[in-house]
Amino acid sequence: FTRVKWKKSTPVEITALRPANVPL
């Protein structure tokens, strides 16, 4: 009852944010 039970979930896709020191 205490062991972690993992469940398959959706894949993750992350795009890096624009750096704060590079303004438009």
PDB file of all heavy atoms in Angstrom:
ATOM      1  N   PHE A   1       0.796  -1.218   0.000  1.00  0.00           N
ATOM      2  CA  PHE A   1       0.000   0.000   0.000  1.00  0.00           C
ATOM      3  C   PHE A   1       0.835   1.278   0.000  1.00  0.00           C
ATOM      4  O   PHE A   1       0.302   2.363  -0.221  1.00  0.00           O
ATOM      5  CB  PHE A   1      -0.938   0.008   1.216  1.00  0.00           C
ATOM      6  CG  PHE A   1      -2.087  -0.955   1.083  1.00  0.00           C
ATOM      7  CD1 PHE A   1      -2.081  -2.157   1.767  1.00  0.00           C
ATOM      8  CD2 PHE A   1      -3.160  -0.668   0.257  1.00  0.00           C
ATOM      9  CE1 PHE A   1      -3.128  -3.048   1.636  1.00  0.00           C
ATOM     10  CE2 PHE A   1      -4.210  -1.561   0.120  1.00  0.00           C
ATOM     11  CZ  PHE A   1      -4.203  -2.759   0.812  1.00  0.00           C
ATOM     12  N   THR A   2       2.125   1.158   0.301  1.00  0.00           N
ATOM     13  CA  THR A   2       2.953   2.367   0.316  1.00  0.00           C
ATOM     14  C   THR A   2       3.876   2.476  -0.893  1.00  0.00           C
ATOM     15  O   THR A   2       4.434   3.543  -1.132  1.00  0.00           O
ATOM     16  CB  THR A   2       3.829   2.411   1.584  1.00  0.00           C
ATOM     17  OG1 THR A   2       4.658   1.245   1.639  1.00  0.00           O
ATOM     18  CG2 THR A   2       2.954   2.479   2.826  1.00  0.00           C
ATOM     19  N   ARG A   3       4.074   1.413  -1.641  1.00  0.00           N
ATOM     20  CA  ARG A   3       4.956   1.501  -2.798  1.00  0.00           C
ATOM     21  C   ARG A   3       4.336   2.395  -3.875  1.00  0.00           C
ATOM     22  O   ARG A   3       3.109   2.478  -4.005  1.00  0.00           O
ATOM     23  CB  ARG A   3       5.242   0.118  -3.380  1.00  0.00           C
ATOM     24  CG  ARG A   3       4.041  -0.549  -4.007  1.00  0.00           C
ATOM     25  CD  ARG A   3       4.436  -1.842  -4.698  1.00  0.00           C
ATOM     26  NE  ARG A   3       3.291  -2.489  -5.318  1.00  0.00           N
ATOM     27  CZ  ARG A   3       3.375  -3.524  -6.126  1.00  0.00           C
ATOM     28  NH1 ARG A   3       4.559  -4.028  -6.417  1.00  0.00           N
ATOM     29  NH2 ARG A   3       2.292  -4.066  -6.640  1.00  0.00           N
ATOM     30  N   VAL A   4       5.174   3.052  -4.603  1.00  0.00           N
ATOM     31  CA  VAL A   4       4.722   3.971  -5.648  1.00  0.00           C
ATOM     32  C   VAL A   4       4.267   3.169  -6.859  1.00  0.00           C
ATOM     33  O   VAL A   4       4.993   2.309  -7.351  1.00  0.00           O
ATOM     34  CB  VAL A   4       5.860   4.937  -6.040  1.00  0.00           C
ATOM     35  CG1 VAL A   4       5.404   5.848  -7.180  1.00  0.00           C
ATOM     36  CG2 VAL A   4       6.299   5.756  -4.838  1.00  0.00           C
ATOM     37  N   LYS A   5       3.052   3.436  -7.312  1.00  0.00           N
ATOM     38  CA  LYS A   5       2.510   2.751  -8.480  1.00  0.00           C
ATOM     39  C   LYS A   5       2.463   3.740  -9.639  1.00  0.00           C
ATOM     40  O   LYS A   5       1.713   4.712  -9.611  1.00  0.00           O
ATOM     41  CB  LYS A   5       1.109   2.220  -8.173  1.00  0.00           C
ATOM     42  CG  LYS A   5       1.109   1.175  -7.073  1.00  0.00           C
ATOM     43  CD  LYS A   5      -0.299   0.671  -6.783  1.00  0.00           C
ATOM     44  CE  LYS A   5      -0.280  -0.377  -5.682  1.00  0.00           C
ATOM     45  NZ  LYS A   5      -1.636  -0.878  -5.383  1.00  0.00           N
ATOM     46  N   TRP A   6       3.298   3.500 -10.653  1.00  0.00           N
ATOM     47  CA  TRP A   6       3.419   4.400 -11.785  1.00  0.00           C
ATOM     48  C   TRP A   6       2.438   4.023 -12.876  1.00  0.00           C
ATOM     49  O   TRP A   6       2.175   2.856 -13.122  1.00  0.00           O
ATOM     50  CB  TRP A   6       4.838   4.369 -12.343  1.00  0.00           C
ATOM     51  CG  TRP A   6       5.867   4.859 -11.372  1.00  0.00           C
ATOM     52  CD1 TRP A   6       6.703   4.106 -10.607  1.00  0.00           C
ATOM     53  CD2 TRP A   6       6.153   6.220 -11.043  1.00  0.00           C
ATOM     54  NE1 TRP A   6       7.502   4.904  -9.835  1.00  0.00           N
ATOM     55  CE2 TRP A   6       7.185   6.215 -10.083  1.00  0.00           C
ATOM     56  CE3 TRP A   6       5.634   7.445 -11.471  1.00  0.00           C
ATOM     57  CZ2 TRP A   6       7.710   7.372  -9.548  1.00  0.00           C
ATOM     58  CZ3 TRP A   6       6.166   8.610 -10.944  1.00  0.00           C
ATOM     59  CH2 TRP A   6       7.187   8.569  -9.990  1.00  0.00           C
ATOM     60  N   LYS A   7       1.924   5.058 -13.529  1.00  0.00           N
ATOM     61  CA  LYS A   7       0.971   4.877 -14.625  1.00  0.00           C
ATOM     62  C   LYS A   7       1.457   5.664 -15.837  1.00  0.00           C
ATOM     63  O   LYS A   7       1.848   6.819 -15.727  1.00  0.00           O
ATOM     64  CB  LYS A   7      -0.416   5.375 -14.192  1.00  0.00           C
ATOM     65  CG  LYS A   7      -1.478   5.193 -15.259  1.00  0.00           C
ATOM     66  CD  LYS A   7      -2.823   5.700 -14.750  1.00  0.00           C
ATOM     67  CE  LYS A   7      -3.902   5.550 -15.813  1.00  0.00           C
ATOM     68  NZ  LYS A   7      -5.211   6.092 -15.331  1.00  0.00           N
ATOM     69  N   LYS A   8       1.430   5.006 -16.984  1.00  0.00           N
ATOM     70  CA  LYS A   8       1.874   5.654 -18.213  1.00  0.00           C
ATOM     71  C   LYS A   8       1.026   6.884 -18.499  1.00  0.00           C
ATOM     72  O   LYS A   8      -0.196   6.850 -18.421  1.00  0.00           O
ATOM     73  CB  LYS A   8       1.765   4.670 -19.376  1.00  0.00           C
ATOM     74  CG  LYS A   8       2.311   5.179 -20.696  1.00  0.00           C
ATOM     75  CD  LYS A   8       3.814   5.179 -20.713  1.00  0.00           C
ATOM     76  CE  LYS A   8       4.353   5.530 -22.092  1.00  0.00           C
ATOM     77  NZ  LYS A   8       5.823   5.563 -22.105  1.00  0.00           N
ATOM     78  N   SER A   9       1.709   7.997 -18.830  1.00  0.00           N
ATOM     79  CA  SER A   9       1.006   9.246 -19.123  1.00  0.00           C
ATOM     80  C   SER A   9       1.465   9.790 -20.479  1.00  0.00           C
ATOM     81  O   SER A   9       2.289   9.178 -21.162  1.00  0.00           O
ATOM     82  CB  SER A   9       1.279  10.271 -18.019  1.00  0.00           C
ATOM     83  OG  SER A   9       0.507  11.437 -18.207  1.00  0.00           O
ATOM     84  N   THR A  10       0.922  10.946 -20.834  1.00  0.00           N
ATOM     85  CA  THR A  10       1.254  11.539 -22.132  1.00  0.00           C
ATOM     86  C   THR A  10       2.708  12.027 -22.146  1.00  0.00           C
ATOM     87  O   THR A  10       3.222  12.495 -21.122  1.00  0.00           O
ATOM     88  CB  THR A  10       0.337  12.734 -22.432  1.00  0.00           C
ATOM     89  OG1 THR A  10       0.424  13.668 -21.345  1.00  0.00           O
ATOM     90  CG2 THR A  10      -1.106  12.273 -22.577  1.00  0.00           C
ATOM     91  N   PRO A  11       3.390  11.932 -23.285  1.00  0.00           N
ATOM     92  CA  PRO A  11       4.767  12.440 -23.377  1.00  0.00           C
ATOM     93  C   PRO A  11       4.802  13.953 -23.156  1.00  0.00           C
ATOM     94  O   PRO A  11       3.803  14.650 -23.292  1.00  0.00           O
ATOM     95  CB  PRO A  11       5.178  12.069 -24.811  1.00  0.00           C
ATOM     96  CG  PRO A  11       4.249  10.984 -25.218  1.00  0.00           C
ATOM     97  CD  PRO A  11       2.952  11.272 -24.522  1.00  0.00           C
ATOM     98  N   VAL A  12       5.987  14.434 -22.822  1.00  0.00           N
ATOM     99  CA  VAL A  12       6.188  15.854 -22.556  1.00  0.00           C
ATOM    100  C   VAL A  12       7.002  16.468 -23.692  1.00  0.00           C
ATOM    101  O   VAL A  12       7.967  15.873 -24.168  1.00  0.00           O
ATOM    102  CB  VAL A  12       6.925  16.050 -21.215  1.00  0.00           C
ATOM    103  CG1 VAL A  12       7.284  17.512 -21.001  1.00  0.00           C
ATOM    104  CG2 VAL A  12       6.072  15.550 -20.068  1.00  0.00           C
ATOM    105  N   GLU A  13       6.609  17.662 -24.105  1.00  0.00           N
ATOM    106  CA  GLU A  13       7.359  18.408 -25.112  1.00  0.00           C
ATOM    107  C   GLU A  13       7.469  19.848 -24.641  1.00  0.00           C
ATOM    108  O   GLU A  13       6.463  20.540 -24.458  1.00  0.00           O
ATOM    109  CB  GLU A  13       6.650  18.333 -26.458  1.00  0.00           C
ATOM    110  CG  GLU A  13       7.437  18.958 -27.596  1.00  0.00           C
ATOM    111  CD  GLU A  13       6.806  18.715 -28.955  1.00  0.00           C
ATOM    112  OE1 GLU A  13       6.364  17.566 -29.197  1.00  0.00           O
ATOM    113  OE2 GLU A  13       6.732  19.666 -29.756  1.00  0.00           O
ATOM    114  N   ILE A  14       8.708  20.304 -24.394  1.00  0.00           N
ATOM    115  CA  ILE A  14       8.957  21.631 -23.828  1.00  0.00           C
ATOM    116  C   ILE A  14       9.858  22.423 -24.767  1.00  0.00           C
ATOM    117  O   ILE A  14      10.902  21.926 -25.206  1.00  0.00           O
ATOM    118  CB  ILE A  14       9.633  21.523 -22.443  1.00  0.00           C
ATOM    119  CG1 ILE A  14       8.746  20.726 -21.477  1.00  0.00           C
ATOM    120  CG2 ILE A  14       9.945  22.903 -21.879  1.00  0.00           C
ATOM    121  CD1 ILE A  14       9.449  20.360 -20.190  1.00  0.00           C
ATOM    122  N   THR A  15       9.458  23.648 -25.048  1.00  0.00           N
ATOM    123  CA  THR A  15      10.282  24.562 -25.849  1.00  0.00           C
ATOM    124  C   THR A  15      10.843  25.645 -24.934  1.00  0.00           C
ATOM    125  O   THR A  15      10.110  26.220 -24.116  1.00  0.00           O
ATOM    126  CB  THR A  15       9.455  25.209 -26.969  1.00  0.00           C
ATOM    127  OG1 THR A  15       8.938  24.184 -27.816  1.00  0.00           O
ATOM    128  CG2 THR A  15      10.312  26.160 -27.794  1.00  0.00           C
ATOM    129  N   ALA A  16      12.135  25.896 -25.053  1.00  0.00           N
ATOM    130  CA  ALA A  16      12.770  26.893 -24.190  1.00  0.00           C
ATOM    131  C   ALA A  16      12.151  28.270 -24.396  1.00  0.00           C
ATOM    132  O   ALA A  16      11.844  28.678 -25.517  1.00  0.00           O
ATOM    133  CB  ALA A  16      14.269  26.951 -24.487  1.00  0.00           C
ATOM    134  N   LEU A  17      11.965  28.979 -23.280  1.00  0.00           N
ATOM    135  CA  LEU A  17      11.409  30.327 -23.339  1.00  0.00           C
ATOM    136  C   LEU A  17      12.453  31.311 -23.861  1.00  0.00           C
ATOM    137  O   LEU A  17      13.660  31.060 -23.790  1.00  0.00           O
ATOM    138  CB  LEU A  17      10.947  30.749 -21.940  1.00  0.00           C
ATOM    139  CG  LEU A  17       9.842  29.901 -21.294  1.00  0.00           C
ATOM    140  CD1 LEU A  17       9.590  30.385 -19.875  1.00  0.00           C
ATOM    141  CD2 LEU A  17       8.559  29.959 -22.123  1.00  0.00           C
ATOM    142  N   ARG A  18      11.980  32.412 -24.358  1.00  0.00           N
ATOM    143  CA  ARG A  18      12.888  33.473 -24.804  1.00  0.00           C
ATOM    144  C   ARG A  18      13.664  34.004 -23.600  1.00  0.00           C
ATOM    145  O   ARG A  18      13.065  34.327 -22.570  1.00  0.00           O
ATOM    146  CB  ARG A  18      12.088  34.608 -25.443  1.00  0.00           C
ATOM    147  CG  ARG A  18      12.955  35.695 -26.080  1.00  0.00           C
ATOM    148  CD  ARG A  18      12.103  36.841 -26.588  1.00  0.00           C
ATOM    149  NE  ARG A  18      12.895  37.793 -27.322  1.00  0.00           N
ATOM    150  CZ  ARG A  18      13.131  37.742 -28.626  1.00  0.00           C
ATOM    151  NH1 ARG A  18      12.602  36.748 -29.345  1.00  0.00           N
ATOM    152  NH2 ARG A  18      13.879  38.640 -29.238  1.00  0.00           N
ATOM    153  N   PRO A  19      14.991  34.090 -23.695  1.00  0.00           N
ATOM    154  CA  PRO A  19      15.777  34.575 -22.556  1.00  0.00           C
ATOM    155  C   PRO A  19      15.362  35.983 -22.137  1.00  0.00           C
ATOM    156  O   PRO A  19      15.057  36.838 -22.974  1.00  0.00           O
ATOM    157  CB  PRO A  19      17.218  34.556 -23.077  1.00  0.00           C
ATOM    158  CG  PRO A  19      17.206  33.560 -24.186  1.00  0.00           C
ATOM    159  CD  PRO A  19      15.864  33.680 -24.819  1.00  0.00           C
ATOM    160  N   ALA A  20      15.370  36.230 -20.828  1.00  0.00           N
ATOM    161  CA  ALA A  20      14.958  37.542 -20.313  1.00  0.00           C
ATOM    162  C   ALA A  20      15.915  38.648 -20.738  1.00  0.00           C
ATOM    163  O   ALA A  20      15.511  39.823 -20.824  1.00  0.00           O
ATOM    164  CB  ALA A  20      14.881  37.484 -18.789  1.00  0.00           C
ATOM    165  N   ASN A  21      17.176  38.321 -21.007  1.00  0.00           N
ATOM    166  CA  ASN A  21      18.145  39.361 -21.392  1.00  0.00           C
ATOM    167  C   ASN A  21      18.202  39.560 -22.918  1.00  0.00           C
ATOM    168  O   ASN A  21      19.136  40.175 -23.432  1.00  0.00           O
ATOM    169  CB  ASN A  21      19.538  39.033 -20.852  1.00  0.00           C
ATOM    170  CG  ASN A  21      20.081  37.706 -21.375  1.00  0.00           C
ATOM    171  OD1 ASN A  21      19.336  36.922 -21.948  1.00  0.00           O
ATOM    172  ND2 ASN A  21      21.377  37.474 -21.166  1.00  0.00           N
ATOM    173  N   VAL A  22      17.192  39.028 -23.607  1.00  0.00           N
ATOM    174  CA  VAL A  22      17.110  39.245 -25.061  1.00  0.00           C
ATOM    175  C   VAL A  22      15.723  39.811 -25.385  1.00  0.00           C
ATOM    176  O   VAL A  22      14.815  39.094 -25.813  1.00  0.00           O
ATOM    177  CB  VAL A  22      17.347  37.943 -25.852  1.00  0.00           C
ATOM    178  CG1 VAL A  22      17.391  38.242 -27.346  1.00  0.00           C
ATOM    179  CG2 VAL A  22      18.634  37.266 -25.413  1.00  0.00           C
ATOM    180  N   PRO A  23      15.516  41.094 -25.153  1.00  0.00           N
ATOM    181  CA  PRO A  23      14.205  41.687 -25.424  1.00  0.00           C
ATOM    182  C   PRO A  23      13.947  41.786 -26.935  1.00  0.00           C
ATOM    183  O   PRO A  23      14.870  41.739 -27.751  1.00  0.00           O
ATOM    184  CB  PRO A  23      14.311  43.072 -24.795  1.00  0.00           C
ATOM    185  CG  PRO A  23      15.775  43.382 -24.824  1.00  0.00           C
ATOM    186  CD  PRO A  23      16.476  42.079 -24.623  1.00  0.00           C
ATOM    187  N   LEU A  24      12.675  41.899 -27.270  1.00  0.00           N
ATOM    188  CA  LEU A  24      12.308  42.079 -28.682  1.00  0.00           C
ATOM    189  C   LEU A  24      12.862  43.400 -29.194  1.00  0.00           C
ATOM    190  O   LEU A  24      12.879  44.404 -28.477  1.00  0.00           O
ATOM    191  CB  LEU A  24      10.787  42.048 -28.827  1.00  0.00           C
ATOM    192  CG  LEU A  24      10.132  40.687 -28.557  1.00  0.00           C
ATOM    193  CD1 LEU A  24       8.609  40.833 -28.525  1.00  0.00           C
ATOM    194  CD2 LEU A  24      10.544  39.664 -29.620  1.00  0.00           C
TER     195      LEU A  24
END
